[in-house]
Amino acid sequence: MKKRKLLLTAIAAIALSVGGYLIAADHIDSPTVTNQPSDITDLYVFRAENPDNLVFVANTQGLLSPAATANAQFDENTMIEFNIDNNGDHIEDLVIQCIAKNGMMKVYGPFQPSVTGTTSYLGLNNFKGQVRITPYGQPAIVSEQNGIKVFAGPRDDPFFFDLLRFRQIIAGTATSFNNPGTDTFAGTNVLGLVVEIPKSWLGGNGTINVWAETKKKANNG
């Protein structure tokens, strides 16, 4: 079977106990992903409503205006990959791979990857489920099958950050944030991907490192 090879374009990372809640955010900080579907804006990992499950969230294509959101799409040549290190060596032991195809978001894993690092191969033999991508302005479409729940589609950017005040602090013209601050991302949207899986699938001793990557399909893949 021919393998689909994908190469790293963007990354965001966090570490947490599987009972905790942590986030990481990065909105178009790298010029190489500005206005690209590979731009990761946020990574969230938290315990699900079902305490036996964990939720993985990767948001991409941030700062979308309402007018632009209707036409925003997941790139079929860009894979979103959640990497999970369950033994503390900062090398992925498991991956969850997600890729859009014909209006559906397909999910593979978690599974042990054949290679680690900046190159990945799509785990075609580890398909777990799929969900129809929710159109802009429509109620969330959620799929539940084979032990996982999945959502994919546009949503309001959930990350609160006062970018202007931050820049003032960096420039030395302000010493602290205002309370309340001004949400720079208010009124903008992202393309969100949410995958919920049982904690028992993660292995390890209860503490994991998680990072999300977007990877482009190689020309020879």
N, C-alpha and C. Protein backbone atom coordinates (compact mmCIF):
# COMPACT_ATOMS: atom_id res chain seq x y z
N MET A 1 0.84 -1.18 0.00
CA MET A 1 0.00 0.00 0.00
C MET A 1 0.88 1.24 0.00
N LYS A 2 0.55 2.19 -0.87
CA LYS A 2 1.33 3.42 -0.93
C LYS A 2 1.07 4.27 0.29
N LYS A 3 2.14 4.79 0.90
CA LYS A 3 2.01 5.64 2.07
C LYS A 3 1.93 7.10 1.64
N ARG A 4 1.15 7.88 2.39
CA ARG A 4 1.07 9.31 2.14
C ARG A 4 2.04 10.02 3.06
N LYS A 5 3.05 10.65 2.51
CA LYS A 5 4.09 11.32 3.28
C LYS A 5 3.72 12.78 3.47
N LEU A 6 3.87 13.26 4.73
CA LEU A 6 3.56 14.65 5.03
C LEU A 6 4.70 15.26 5.81
N LEU A 7 4.95 16.56 5.57
CA LEU A 7 6.09 17.25 6.15
C LEU A 7 5.62 18.41 7.01
N LEU A 8 6.33 18.65 8.10
CA LEU A 8 5.96 19.65 9.10
C LEU A 8 5.92 21.05 8.53
N THR A 9 4.86 21.81 8.89
CA THR A 9 4.81 23.23 8.55
C THR A 9 4.57 24.12 9.76
N ALA A 10 3.88 23.64 10.79
CA ALA A 10 3.61 24.47 11.97
C ALA A 10 3.43 23.59 13.18
N ILE A 11 3.63 24.19 14.39
CA ILE A 11 3.58 23.40 15.62
C ILE A 11 3.15 24.27 16.79
N ALA A 12 2.42 23.67 17.74
CA ALA A 12 2.11 24.28 19.04
C ALA A 12 2.17 23.17 20.06
N ALA A 13 2.60 23.48 21.30
CA ALA A 13 2.84 22.41 22.28
C ALA A 13 2.43 22.81 23.68
N ILE A 14 2.01 21.79 24.47
CA ILE A 14 1.71 21.96 25.89
C ILE A 14 2.04 20.66 26.62
N ALA A 15 2.04 20.73 27.96
CA ALA A 15 2.22 19.54 28.79
C ALA A 15 1.19 19.58 29.90
N LEU A 16 0.67 18.43 30.31
CA LEU A 16 -0.38 18.41 31.32
C LEU A 16 -0.54 17.04 31.93
N SER A 17 -1.17 17.05 33.11
CA SER A 17 -1.70 15.83 33.68
C SER A 17 -3.02 15.54 32.98
N VAL A 18 -3.36 14.28 32.81
CA VAL A 18 -4.56 13.96 32.05
C VAL A 18 -5.83 14.44 32.75
N GLY A 19 -5.75 14.86 34.01
CA GLY A 19 -6.90 15.40 34.69
C GLY A 19 -6.95 16.91 34.64
N GLY A 20 -5.97 17.55 33.98
CA GLY A 20 -5.87 19.00 34.00
C GLY A 20 -6.45 19.67 32.77
N TYR A 21 -6.11 20.97 32.63
CA TYR A 21 -6.61 21.77 31.52
C TYR A 21 -5.54 22.78 31.19
N LEU A 22 -4.98 22.71 30.00
CA LEU A 22 -3.97 23.67 29.59
C LEU A 22 -4.20 24.05 28.14
N ILE A 23 -3.70 25.26 27.79
CA ILE A 23 -3.85 25.74 26.43
C ILE A 23 -2.54 26.33 25.94
N ALA A 24 -2.39 26.42 24.65
CA ALA A 24 -1.29 27.14 24.03
C ALA A 24 -1.86 27.89 22.84
N ALA A 25 -1.38 29.11 22.60
CA ALA A 25 -1.92 29.91 21.51
C ALA A 25 -0.81 30.54 20.69
N ASP A 26 -1.07 30.70 19.40
CA ASP A 26 -0.08 31.28 18.50
C ASP A 26 -0.81 31.71 17.23
N HIS A 27 -1.10 33.01 17.12
CA HIS A 27 -1.84 33.51 15.96
C HIS A 27 -0.87 34.17 14.98
N ILE A 28 -0.66 33.52 13.85
CA ILE A 28 0.16 33.99 12.73
C ILE A 28 1.49 34.61 13.18
N ASP A 29 2.12 34.02 14.19
CA ASP A 29 3.40 34.53 14.66
C ASP A 29 4.53 34.24 13.66
N SER A 30 4.36 33.20 12.86
CA SER A 30 5.39 32.86 11.88
C SER A 30 4.97 33.35 10.49
N PRO A 31 5.82 34.13 9.82
CA PRO A 31 5.46 34.61 8.48
C PRO A 31 5.21 33.49 7.49
N THR A 32 5.79 32.33 7.73
CA THR A 32 5.66 31.24 6.76
C THR A 32 4.25 30.65 6.72
N VAL A 33 3.45 30.91 7.77
CA VAL A 33 2.10 30.34 7.78
C VAL A 33 1.02 31.41 7.75
N THR A 34 1.41 32.69 7.61
CA THR A 34 0.42 33.76 7.55
C THR A 34 -0.51 33.54 6.36
N ASN A 35 -1.82 33.59 6.67
CA ASN A 35 -2.86 33.40 5.65
C ASN A 35 -2.79 32.02 5.00
N GLN A 36 -2.24 31.05 5.71
CA GLN A 36 -2.15 29.68 5.21
C GLN A 36 -3.05 28.77 6.05
N PRO A 37 -3.62 27.72 5.45
CA PRO A 37 -4.45 26.79 6.23
C PRO A 37 -3.65 26.00 7.24
N SER A 38 -2.33 26.07 7.18
CA SER A 38 -1.48 25.35 8.13
C SER A 38 -1.24 26.14 9.41
N ASP A 39 -1.74 27.39 9.51
CA ASP A 39 -1.51 28.20 10.70
C ASP A 39 -2.33 27.66 11.88
N ILE A 40 -1.64 27.23 12.94
CA ILE A 40 -2.29 26.78 14.17
C ILE A 40 -2.46 27.99 15.08
N THR A 41 -3.69 28.27 15.49
CA THR A 41 -3.92 29.38 16.41
C THR A 41 -3.93 28.93 17.86
N ASP A 42 -4.55 27.81 18.14
CA ASP A 42 -4.68 27.35 19.53
C ASP A 42 -4.60 25.83 19.62
N LEU A 43 -4.09 25.38 20.76
CA LEU A 43 -4.13 23.96 21.13
C LEU A 43 -4.70 23.88 22.54
N TYR A 44 -5.75 23.10 22.70
CA TYR A 44 -6.37 22.89 24.01
C TYR A 44 -6.44 21.39 24.28
N VAL A 45 -6.19 21.00 25.51
CA VAL A 45 -6.39 19.61 25.93
C VAL A 45 -7.00 19.65 27.33
N PHE A 46 -8.12 18.96 27.51
CA PHE A 46 -8.80 19.01 28.81
C PHE A 46 -9.66 17.77 29.00
N ARG A 47 -10.03 17.55 30.26
CA ARG A 47 -10.89 16.42 30.58
C ARG A 47 -12.28 16.67 30.03
N ALA A 48 -12.89 15.64 29.48
CA ALA A 48 -14.21 15.75 28.90
C ALA A 48 -15.28 15.74 29.99
N GLU A 49 -16.51 15.99 29.56
CA GLU A 49 -17.63 15.88 30.50
C GLU A 49 -17.67 14.48 31.10
N ASN A 50 -17.37 13.49 30.28
CA ASN A 50 -17.15 12.13 30.78
C ASN A 50 -15.73 12.09 31.35
N PRO A 51 -15.54 11.93 32.67
CA PRO A 51 -14.20 12.03 33.26
C PRO A 51 -13.23 10.97 32.78
N ASP A 52 -13.72 9.95 32.08
CA ASP A 52 -12.83 8.92 31.55
C ASP A 52 -12.26 9.28 30.18
N ASN A 53 -12.68 10.42 29.65
CA ASN A 53 -12.25 10.84 28.31
C ASN A 53 -11.41 12.10 28.37
N LEU A 54 -10.63 12.33 27.32
CA LEU A 54 -9.83 13.54 27.17
C LEU A 54 -10.17 14.17 25.82
N VAL A 55 -10.22 15.50 25.80
CA VAL A 55 -10.57 16.25 24.59
C VAL A 55 -9.33 16.94 24.04
N PHE A 56 -9.10 16.79 22.76
CA PHE A 56 -8.01 17.46 22.06
C PHE A 56 -8.63 18.45 21.07
N VAL A 57 -8.17 19.71 21.12
CA VAL A 57 -8.70 20.75 20.23
C VAL A 57 -7.54 21.44 19.52
N ALA A 58 -7.61 21.52 18.22
CA ALA A 58 -6.66 22.31 17.43
C ALA A 58 -7.45 23.28 16.57
N ASN A 59 -7.16 24.57 16.74
CA ASN A 59 -7.80 25.59 15.90
C ASN A 59 -6.79 26.11 14.89
N THR A 60 -7.25 26.35 13.68
CA THR A 60 -6.38 26.84 12.62
C THR A 60 -7.03 28.02 11.90
N GLN A 61 -6.23 28.69 11.08
CA GLN A 61 -6.70 29.78 10.22
C GLN A 61 -7.39 30.88 11.03
N GLY A 62 -6.69 31.43 11.99
CA GLY A 62 -7.27 32.44 12.87
C GLY A 62 -7.48 33.78 12.22
N LEU A 63 -8.16 34.68 12.97
CA LEU A 63 -8.45 36.05 12.58
C LEU A 63 -9.32 36.13 11.33
N LEU A 64 -10.17 35.12 11.14
CA LEU A 64 -11.11 35.14 10.02
C LEU A 64 -12.25 36.09 10.33
N SER A 65 -12.52 37.00 9.43
CA SER A 65 -13.69 37.86 9.58
C SER A 65 -14.94 37.05 9.27
N PRO A 66 -16.12 37.48 9.75
CA PRO A 66 -17.34 36.75 9.39
C PRO A 66 -17.50 36.59 7.88
N ALA A 67 -17.13 37.63 7.10
CA ALA A 67 -17.26 37.54 5.65
C ALA A 67 -16.34 36.48 5.06
N ALA A 68 -15.14 36.36 5.64
CA ALA A 68 -14.17 35.40 5.11
C ALA A 68 -14.45 33.98 5.58
N THR A 69 -15.15 33.85 6.70
CA THR A 69 -15.34 32.52 7.29
C THR A 69 -16.18 31.61 6.41
N ALA A 70 -17.17 32.17 5.73
CA ALA A 70 -18.06 31.35 4.92
C ALA A 70 -17.31 30.59 3.84
N ASN A 71 -16.19 31.15 3.36
CA ASN A 71 -15.42 30.51 2.30
C ASN A 71 -14.19 29.77 2.81
N ALA A 72 -13.93 29.84 4.10
CA ALA A 72 -12.75 29.18 4.66
C ALA A 72 -12.94 27.67 4.66
N GLN A 73 -11.90 26.95 4.30
CA GLN A 73 -11.98 25.49 4.23
C GLN A 73 -10.72 24.86 4.80
N PHE A 74 -10.88 23.66 5.34
CA PHE A 74 -9.72 22.85 5.68
C PHE A 74 -9.05 22.41 4.38
N ASP A 75 -7.73 22.51 4.34
CA ASP A 75 -6.97 22.13 3.15
C ASP A 75 -6.83 20.61 3.10
N GLU A 76 -7.24 20.00 2.00
CA GLU A 76 -7.17 18.54 1.88
C GLU A 76 -5.74 18.03 1.79
N ASN A 77 -4.78 18.91 1.55
CA ASN A 77 -3.37 18.50 1.51
C ASN A 77 -2.63 18.85 2.79
N THR A 78 -3.36 19.27 3.82
CA THR A 78 -2.75 19.60 5.11
C THR A 78 -3.35 18.71 6.20
N MET A 79 -2.51 17.93 6.83
CA MET A 79 -2.93 17.08 7.94
C MET A 79 -2.73 17.80 9.27
N ILE A 80 -3.70 17.70 10.15
CA ILE A 80 -3.57 18.18 11.52
C ILE A 80 -3.26 16.97 12.38
N GLU A 81 -2.17 17.05 13.12
CA GLU A 81 -1.70 15.89 13.88
C GLU A 81 -1.50 16.27 15.35
N PHE A 82 -2.17 15.54 16.25
CA PHE A 82 -1.92 15.64 17.68
C PHE A 82 -0.85 14.61 18.03
N ASN A 83 0.24 15.07 18.64
CA ASN A 83 1.33 14.19 19.06
C ASN A 83 1.28 14.03 20.57
N ILE A 84 1.41 12.79 21.05
CA ILE A 84 1.27 12.49 22.47
C ILE A 84 2.50 11.75 22.96
N ASP A 85 3.20 12.36 23.90
CA ASP A 85 4.35 11.73 24.57
C ASP A 85 3.87 11.27 25.94
N ASN A 86 3.85 9.97 26.18
CA ASN A 86 3.33 9.46 27.45
C ASN A 86 4.41 8.93 28.39
N ASN A 87 5.70 9.14 28.06
CA ASN A 87 6.76 8.66 28.95
C ASN A 87 7.81 9.72 29.27
N GLY A 88 7.55 10.97 28.86
CA GLY A 88 8.40 12.07 29.26
C GLY A 88 9.68 12.26 28.49
N ASP A 89 9.84 11.57 27.35
CA ASP A 89 11.08 11.73 26.58
C ASP A 89 10.94 12.75 25.45
N HIS A 90 9.77 13.40 25.37
CA HIS A 90 9.50 14.45 24.38
C HIS A 90 9.58 13.95 22.94
N ILE A 91 9.28 12.68 22.78
CA ILE A 91 9.14 12.07 21.46
C ILE A 91 7.75 11.45 21.40
N GLU A 92 7.04 11.66 20.31
CA GLU A 92 5.67 11.18 20.23
C GLU A 92 5.60 9.65 20.29
N ASP A 93 4.82 9.15 21.24
CA ASP A 93 4.55 7.72 21.35
C ASP A 93 3.28 7.35 20.60
N LEU A 94 2.36 8.31 20.51
CA LEU A 94 1.10 8.12 19.82
C LEU A 94 0.77 9.37 19.01
N VAL A 95 0.03 9.19 17.94
CA VAL A 95 -0.45 10.33 17.16
C VAL A 95 -1.92 10.15 16.85
N ILE A 96 -2.62 11.26 16.75
CA ILE A 96 -3.98 11.30 16.21
C ILE A 96 -3.91 12.17 14.98
N GLN A 97 -4.22 11.61 13.84
CA GLN A 97 -4.09 12.33 12.57
C GLN A 97 -5.48 12.64 12.00
N CYS A 98 -5.64 13.85 11.52
CA CYS A 98 -6.94 14.29 11.00
C CYS A 98 -6.73 15.00 9.67
N ILE A 99 -7.54 14.63 8.70
CA ILE A 99 -7.39 15.23 7.37
C ILE A 99 -8.76 15.32 6.70
N ALA A 100 -9.00 16.44 6.01
CA ALA A 100 -10.28 16.67 5.35
C ALA A 100 -10.30 16.03 3.98
N LYS A 101 -11.48 15.53 3.61
CA LYS A 101 -11.64 14.92 2.30
C LYS A 101 -13.11 14.96 1.91
N ASN A 102 -13.41 15.66 0.81
CA ASN A 102 -14.77 15.70 0.27
C ASN A 102 -15.80 16.13 1.31
N GLY A 103 -15.47 17.18 2.06
CA GLY A 103 -16.41 17.72 3.03
C GLY A 103 -16.49 16.97 4.34
N MET A 104 -15.64 15.96 4.51
CA MET A 104 -15.59 15.18 5.74
C MET A 104 -14.23 15.35 6.41
N MET A 105 -14.21 15.32 7.74
CA MET A 105 -12.95 15.28 8.48
C MET A 105 -12.76 13.84 8.95
N LYS A 106 -11.66 13.22 8.50
CA LYS A 106 -11.37 11.84 8.83
C LYS A 106 -10.33 11.79 9.94
N VAL A 107 -10.50 10.84 10.87
CA VAL A 107 -9.63 10.73 12.03
C VAL A 107 -8.99 9.35 12.06
N TYR A 108 -7.67 9.34 12.28
CA TYR A 108 -6.90 8.10 12.35
C TYR A 108 -6.17 8.09 13.70
N GLY A 109 -6.32 6.97 14.43
CA GLY A 109 -5.59 6.84 15.69
C GLY A 109 -6.45 7.11 16.91
N PRO A 110 -5.77 7.14 18.08
CA PRO A 110 -4.32 7.21 18.24
C PRO A 110 -3.63 5.88 17.92
N PHE A 111 -2.42 6.02 17.37
CA PHE A 111 -1.62 4.85 17.06
C PHE A 111 -0.14 5.22 17.16
N GLN A 112 0.70 4.22 17.26
CA GLN A 112 2.14 4.45 17.33
C GLN A 112 2.66 4.73 15.92
N PRO A 113 3.29 5.88 15.69
CA PRO A 113 3.73 6.21 14.34
C PRO A 113 4.95 5.40 13.92
N SER A 114 5.09 5.19 12.63
CA SER A 114 6.24 4.44 12.13
C SER A 114 7.50 5.29 12.12
N VAL A 115 7.34 6.62 12.06
CA VAL A 115 8.47 7.55 12.14
C VAL A 115 8.06 8.68 13.07
N THR A 116 9.04 9.39 13.63
CA THR A 116 8.76 10.52 14.50
C THR A 116 9.43 11.78 13.95
N GLY A 117 9.05 12.92 14.51
CA GLY A 117 9.69 14.16 14.09
C GLY A 117 8.89 14.90 13.04
N THR A 118 9.59 15.52 12.12
CA THR A 118 8.97 16.44 11.17
C THR A 118 8.32 15.76 9.97
N THR A 119 8.48 14.47 9.85
CA THR A 119 7.85 13.71 8.77
C THR A 119 6.84 12.73 9.35
N SER A 120 5.69 12.61 8.71
CA SER A 120 4.67 11.65 9.14
C SER A 120 4.14 10.91 7.94
N TYR A 121 3.62 9.72 8.20
CA TYR A 121 2.89 8.96 7.20
C TYR A 121 1.46 8.77 7.70
N LEU A 122 0.52 9.06 6.84
CA LEU A 122 -0.88 8.94 7.22
C LEU A 122 -1.21 7.49 7.55
N GLY A 123 -1.77 7.28 8.74
CA GLY A 123 -2.05 5.92 9.22
C GLY A 123 -3.34 5.36 8.66
N LEU A 124 -3.34 5.02 7.39
CA LEU A 124 -4.56 4.59 6.72
C LEU A 124 -5.19 3.36 7.36
N ASN A 125 -4.37 2.52 8.00
CA ASN A 125 -4.91 1.32 8.64
C ASN A 125 -5.47 1.58 10.03
N ASN A 126 -5.42 2.85 10.47
CA ASN A 126 -5.86 3.19 11.83
C ASN A 126 -7.05 4.13 11.82
N PHE A 127 -7.86 4.05 10.78
CA PHE A 127 -9.04 4.90 10.66
C PHE A 127 -10.02 4.62 11.80
N LYS A 128 -10.45 5.69 12.48
CA LYS A 128 -11.36 5.53 13.61
C LYS A 128 -12.74 6.10 13.35
N GLY A 129 -12.84 7.14 12.51
CA GLY A 129 -14.15 7.73 12.26
C GLY A 129 -14.05 9.00 11.45
N GLN A 130 -15.22 9.59 11.16
CA GLN A 130 -15.25 10.80 10.39
C GLN A 130 -16.50 11.60 10.75
N VAL A 131 -16.48 12.89 10.39
CA VAL A 131 -17.63 13.74 10.65
C VAL A 131 -17.76 14.71 9.47
N ARG A 132 -18.98 15.04 9.13
CA ARG A 132 -19.19 16.05 8.11
C ARG A 132 -18.79 17.40 8.67
N ILE A 133 -18.03 18.16 7.91
CA ILE A 133 -17.57 19.47 8.37
C ILE A 133 -18.76 20.42 8.46
N THR A 134 -18.94 21.02 9.62
CA THR A 134 -20.08 21.90 9.87
C THR A 134 -19.95 23.18 9.05
N PRO A 135 -20.97 23.54 8.27
CA PRO A 135 -20.92 24.80 7.51
C PRO A 135 -21.00 26.00 8.45
N TYR A 136 -20.49 27.12 8.00
CA TYR A 136 -20.52 28.35 8.80
C TYR A 136 -21.95 28.75 9.12
N GLY A 137 -22.17 29.11 10.38
CA GLY A 137 -23.48 29.57 10.82
C GLY A 137 -24.46 28.48 11.15
N GLN A 138 -24.04 27.20 11.07
CA GLN A 138 -24.92 26.08 11.34
C GLN A 138 -24.60 25.45 12.69
N PRO A 139 -25.58 24.79 13.32
CA PRO A 139 -25.31 24.08 14.57
C PRO A 139 -24.22 23.03 14.39
N ALA A 140 -23.49 22.79 15.46
CA ALA A 140 -22.36 21.86 15.39
C ALA A 140 -22.82 20.46 15.03
N ILE A 141 -22.14 19.86 14.07
CA ILE A 141 -22.35 18.46 13.71
C ILE A 141 -21.29 17.65 14.43
N VAL A 142 -21.70 16.72 15.28
CA VAL A 142 -20.78 15.90 16.05
C VAL A 142 -21.01 14.44 15.71
N SER A 143 -19.93 13.73 15.43
CA SER A 143 -20.01 12.30 15.12
C SER A 143 -19.45 11.51 16.29
N GLU A 144 -20.09 10.41 16.61
CA GLU A 144 -19.61 9.51 17.66
C GLU A 144 -19.59 8.10 17.11
N GLN A 145 -18.38 7.51 17.01
CA GLN A 145 -18.24 6.16 16.50
C GLN A 145 -16.91 5.58 16.94
N ASN A 146 -16.89 4.28 17.13
CA ASN A 146 -15.66 3.56 17.49
C ASN A 146 -14.96 4.15 18.71
N GLY A 147 -15.75 4.69 19.64
CA GLY A 147 -15.19 5.19 20.89
C GLY A 147 -14.72 6.62 20.86
N ILE A 148 -14.85 7.33 19.72
CA ILE A 148 -14.40 8.72 19.64
C ILE A 148 -15.56 9.64 19.27
N LYS A 149 -15.42 10.91 19.64
CA LYS A 149 -16.32 11.96 19.19
C LYS A 149 -15.49 12.97 18.39
N VAL A 150 -16.09 13.51 17.32
CA VAL A 150 -15.35 14.42 16.46
C VAL A 150 -16.25 15.58 16.02
N PHE A 151 -15.66 16.78 15.99
CA PHE A 151 -16.29 17.95 15.39
C PHE A 151 -15.24 18.66 14.55
N ALA A 152 -15.68 19.23 13.44
CA ALA A 152 -14.78 20.06 12.61
C ALA A 152 -15.61 21.14 11.94
N GLY A 153 -15.14 22.38 12.03
CA GLY A 153 -15.85 23.46 11.37
C GLY A 153 -15.53 24.81 11.96
N PRO A 154 -16.10 25.88 11.41
CA PRO A 154 -15.83 27.23 11.89
C PRO A 154 -16.51 27.51 13.22
N ARG A 155 -15.78 28.25 14.07
CA ARG A 155 -16.32 28.68 15.36
C ARG A 155 -15.65 29.99 15.76
N ASP A 156 -16.29 30.71 16.66
CA ASP A 156 -15.73 31.94 17.20
C ASP A 156 -14.39 31.64 17.88
N ASP A 157 -13.40 32.51 17.67
CA ASP A 157 -12.10 32.30 18.29
C ASP A 157 -12.25 32.41 19.81
N PRO A 158 -11.96 31.33 20.55
CA PRO A 158 -12.19 31.33 22.00
C PRO A 158 -11.07 31.97 22.81
N PHE A 159 -9.94 32.29 22.16
CA PHE A 159 -8.79 32.76 22.92
C PHE A 159 -8.90 34.27 23.18
N PHE A 160 -8.79 34.66 24.45
CA PHE A 160 -8.86 36.07 24.85
C PHE A 160 -7.45 36.62 25.02
N PHE A 161 -7.15 37.70 24.29
CA PHE A 161 -5.83 38.31 24.42
C PHE A 161 -5.89 39.78 24.03
N ASP A 162 -5.29 40.62 24.86
CA ASP A 162 -5.23 42.06 24.59
C ASP A 162 -3.90 42.34 23.89
N LEU A 163 -3.89 42.23 22.58
CA LEU A 163 -2.65 42.33 21.81
C LEU A 163 -2.07 43.74 21.87
N LEU A 164 -2.91 44.77 21.78
CA LEU A 164 -2.41 46.15 21.82
C LEU A 164 -1.71 46.42 23.15
N ARG A 165 -2.33 46.00 24.25
CA ARG A 165 -1.70 46.23 25.55
C ARG A 165 -0.41 45.45 25.69
N PHE A 166 -0.40 44.23 25.15
CA PHE A 166 0.81 43.42 25.18
C PHE A 166 1.96 44.14 24.46
N ARG A 167 1.66 44.71 23.31
CA ARG A 167 2.69 45.42 22.55
C ARG A 167 3.16 46.66 23.31
N GLN A 168 2.25 47.31 24.03
CA GLN A 168 2.64 48.46 24.84
C GLN A 168 3.57 48.05 25.97
N ILE A 169 3.29 46.91 26.58
CA ILE A 169 4.16 46.40 27.64
C ILE A 169 5.54 46.07 27.10
N ILE A 170 5.57 45.40 25.96
CA ILE A 170 6.85 45.05 25.34
C ILE A 170 7.64 46.32 24.97
N ALA A 171 6.94 47.36 24.54
CA ALA A 171 7.60 48.60 24.13
C ALA A 171 8.00 49.47 25.32
N GLY A 172 7.54 49.10 26.52
CA GLY A 172 7.89 49.87 27.71
C GLY A 172 6.98 51.04 27.99
N THR A 173 5.86 51.16 27.26
CA THR A 173 4.93 52.27 27.49
C THR A 173 3.80 51.90 28.43
N ALA A 174 3.76 50.64 28.88
CA ALA A 174 2.80 50.19 29.88
C ALA A 174 3.49 49.12 30.73
N THR A 175 3.02 48.98 31.96
CA THR A 175 3.67 48.03 32.87
C THR A 175 2.84 46.80 33.18
N SER A 176 1.54 46.82 32.87
CA SER A 176 0.69 45.67 33.19
C SER A 176 -0.54 45.69 32.29
N PHE A 177 -1.25 44.58 32.29
CA PHE A 177 -2.49 44.49 31.54
C PHE A 177 -3.62 45.19 32.28
N ASN A 178 -4.60 45.66 31.54
CA ASN A 178 -5.80 46.22 32.13
C ASN A 178 -6.74 45.12 32.58
N ASN A 179 -7.58 45.42 33.55
CA ASN A 179 -8.57 44.46 34.03
C ASN A 179 -9.93 45.15 34.11
N PRO A 180 -10.83 44.89 33.15
CA PRO A 180 -10.67 43.91 32.06
C PRO A 180 -9.88 44.49 30.89
N GLY A 181 -9.31 43.62 30.11
CA GLY A 181 -8.61 44.06 28.92
C GLY A 181 -9.54 44.09 27.73
N THR A 182 -8.96 44.33 26.57
CA THR A 182 -9.72 44.35 25.33
C THR A 182 -9.39 43.11 24.53
N ASP A 183 -10.41 42.35 24.17
CA ASP A 183 -10.20 41.10 23.43
C ASP A 183 -9.91 41.40 21.97
N THR A 184 -8.66 41.29 21.60
CA THR A 184 -8.24 41.57 20.23
C THR A 184 -8.95 40.67 19.23
N PHE A 185 -9.24 39.43 19.63
CA PHE A 185 -9.78 38.45 18.70
C PHE A 185 -11.32 38.44 18.67
N ALA A 186 -11.95 39.33 19.40
CA ALA A 186 -13.42 39.38 19.40
C ALA A 186 -13.95 39.61 17.99
N GLY A 187 -14.95 38.83 17.61
CA GLY A 187 -15.55 38.97 16.30
C GLY A 187 -14.82 38.25 15.19
N THR A 188 -13.75 37.54 15.53
CA THR A 188 -13.03 36.76 14.52
C THR A 188 -13.26 35.27 14.76
N ASN A 189 -13.02 34.49 13.74
CA ASN A 189 -13.31 33.06 13.79
C ASN A 189 -12.08 32.21 13.46
N VAL A 190 -12.20 30.94 13.77
CA VAL A 190 -11.18 29.94 13.46
C VAL A 190 -11.87 28.73 12.84
N LEU A 191 -11.09 27.85 12.25
CA LEU A 191 -11.58 26.52 11.89
C LEU A 191 -11.16 25.58 13.01
N GLY A 192 -12.14 25.05 13.71
CA GLY A 192 -11.87 24.23 14.88
C GLY A 192 -11.96 22.74 14.59
N LEU A 193 -11.10 21.98 15.25
CA LEU A 193 -11.10 20.52 15.18
C LEU A 193 -11.10 19.99 16.60
N VAL A 194 -12.06 19.15 16.94
CA VAL A 194 -12.20 18.62 18.29
C VAL A 194 -12.29 17.10 18.22
N VAL A 195 -11.44 16.42 18.98
CA VAL A 195 -11.45 14.96 19.04
C VAL A 195 -11.47 14.54 20.51
N GLU A 196 -12.46 13.74 20.88
CA GLU A 196 -12.55 13.22 22.24
C GLU A 196 -12.32 11.71 22.22
N ILE A 197 -11.40 11.24 23.08
CA ILE A 197 -11.06 9.83 23.13
C ILE A 197 -10.96 9.37 24.57
N PRO A 198 -11.06 8.07 24.84
CA PRO A 198 -10.87 7.55 26.20
C PRO A 198 -9.42 7.74 26.67
N LYS A 199 -9.26 8.10 27.93
CA LYS A 199 -7.92 8.23 28.49
C LYS A 199 -7.17 6.91 28.44
N SER A 200 -7.90 5.81 28.53
CA SER A 200 -7.27 4.49 28.57
C SER A 200 -6.50 4.19 27.30
N TRP A 201 -6.76 4.93 26.22
CA TRP A 201 -6.05 4.70 24.97
C TRP A 201 -4.66 5.35 24.96
N LEU A 202 -4.36 6.17 25.97
CA LEU A 202 -3.15 6.98 25.94
C LEU A 202 -1.93 6.32 26.55
N GLY A 203 -2.14 5.31 27.40
CA GLY A 203 -1.01 4.64 28.05
C GLY A 203 -0.27 5.57 28.99
N GLY A 204 0.93 5.19 29.38
CA GLY A 204 1.75 6.04 30.24
C GLY A 204 1.33 6.00 31.69
N ASN A 205 1.85 6.96 32.47
CA ASN A 205 1.63 6.97 33.92
C ASN A 205 0.70 8.08 34.37
N GLY A 206 -0.03 8.70 33.46
CA GLY A 206 -0.99 9.72 33.85
C GLY A 206 -0.58 11.13 33.52
N THR A 207 0.65 11.36 33.10
CA THR A 207 1.10 12.67 32.66
C THR A 207 1.56 12.57 31.21
N ILE A 208 1.11 13.50 30.39
CA ILE A 208 1.45 13.45 28.97
C ILE A 208 1.92 14.83 28.50
N ASN A 209 2.74 14.82 27.48
CA ASN A 209 3.07 16.02 26.72
C ASN A 209 2.30 15.95 25.40
N VAL A 210 1.74 17.07 24.98
CA VAL A 210 0.96 17.09 23.74
C VAL A 210 1.41 18.26 22.88
N TRP A 211 1.59 18.02 21.61
CA TRP A 211 1.82 19.11 20.68
C TRP A 211 1.05 18.83 19.39
N ALA A 212 0.62 19.89 18.78
CA ALA A 212 -0.13 19.78 17.53
C ALA A 212 0.74 20.28 16.39
N GLU A 213 0.65 19.61 15.28
CA GLU A 213 1.39 20.00 14.08
C GLU A 213 0.45 20.02 12.89
N THR A 214 0.74 20.88 11.94
CA THR A 214 0.13 20.75 10.63
C THR A 214 1.23 20.34 9.66
N LYS A 215 0.91 19.41 8.79
CA LYS A 215 1.91 18.87 7.87
C LYS A 215 1.33 18.82 6.45
N LYS A 216 2.11 19.32 5.53
CA LYS A 216 1.70 19.35 4.13
C LYS A 216 2.06 18.04 3.42
N LYS A 217 1.21 17.63 2.52
CA LYS A 217 1.50 16.44 1.74
C LYS A 217 2.71 16.69 0.86
N ALA A 218 3.66 15.75 0.90
CA ALA A 218 4.85 15.87 0.08
C ALA A 218 4.49 15.68 -1.40
N ASN A 219 5.23 16.35 -2.26
CA ASN A 219 4.95 16.24 -3.69
C ASN A 219 5.10 14.83 -4.22
N ASN A 220 5.97 14.05 -3.55
CA ASN A 220 6.17 12.67 -3.98
C ASN A 220 5.41 11.70 -3.08
N GLY A 221 4.49 12.24 -2.23
CA GLY A 221 3.78 11.40 -1.26
C GLY A 221 2.66 10.61 -1.89
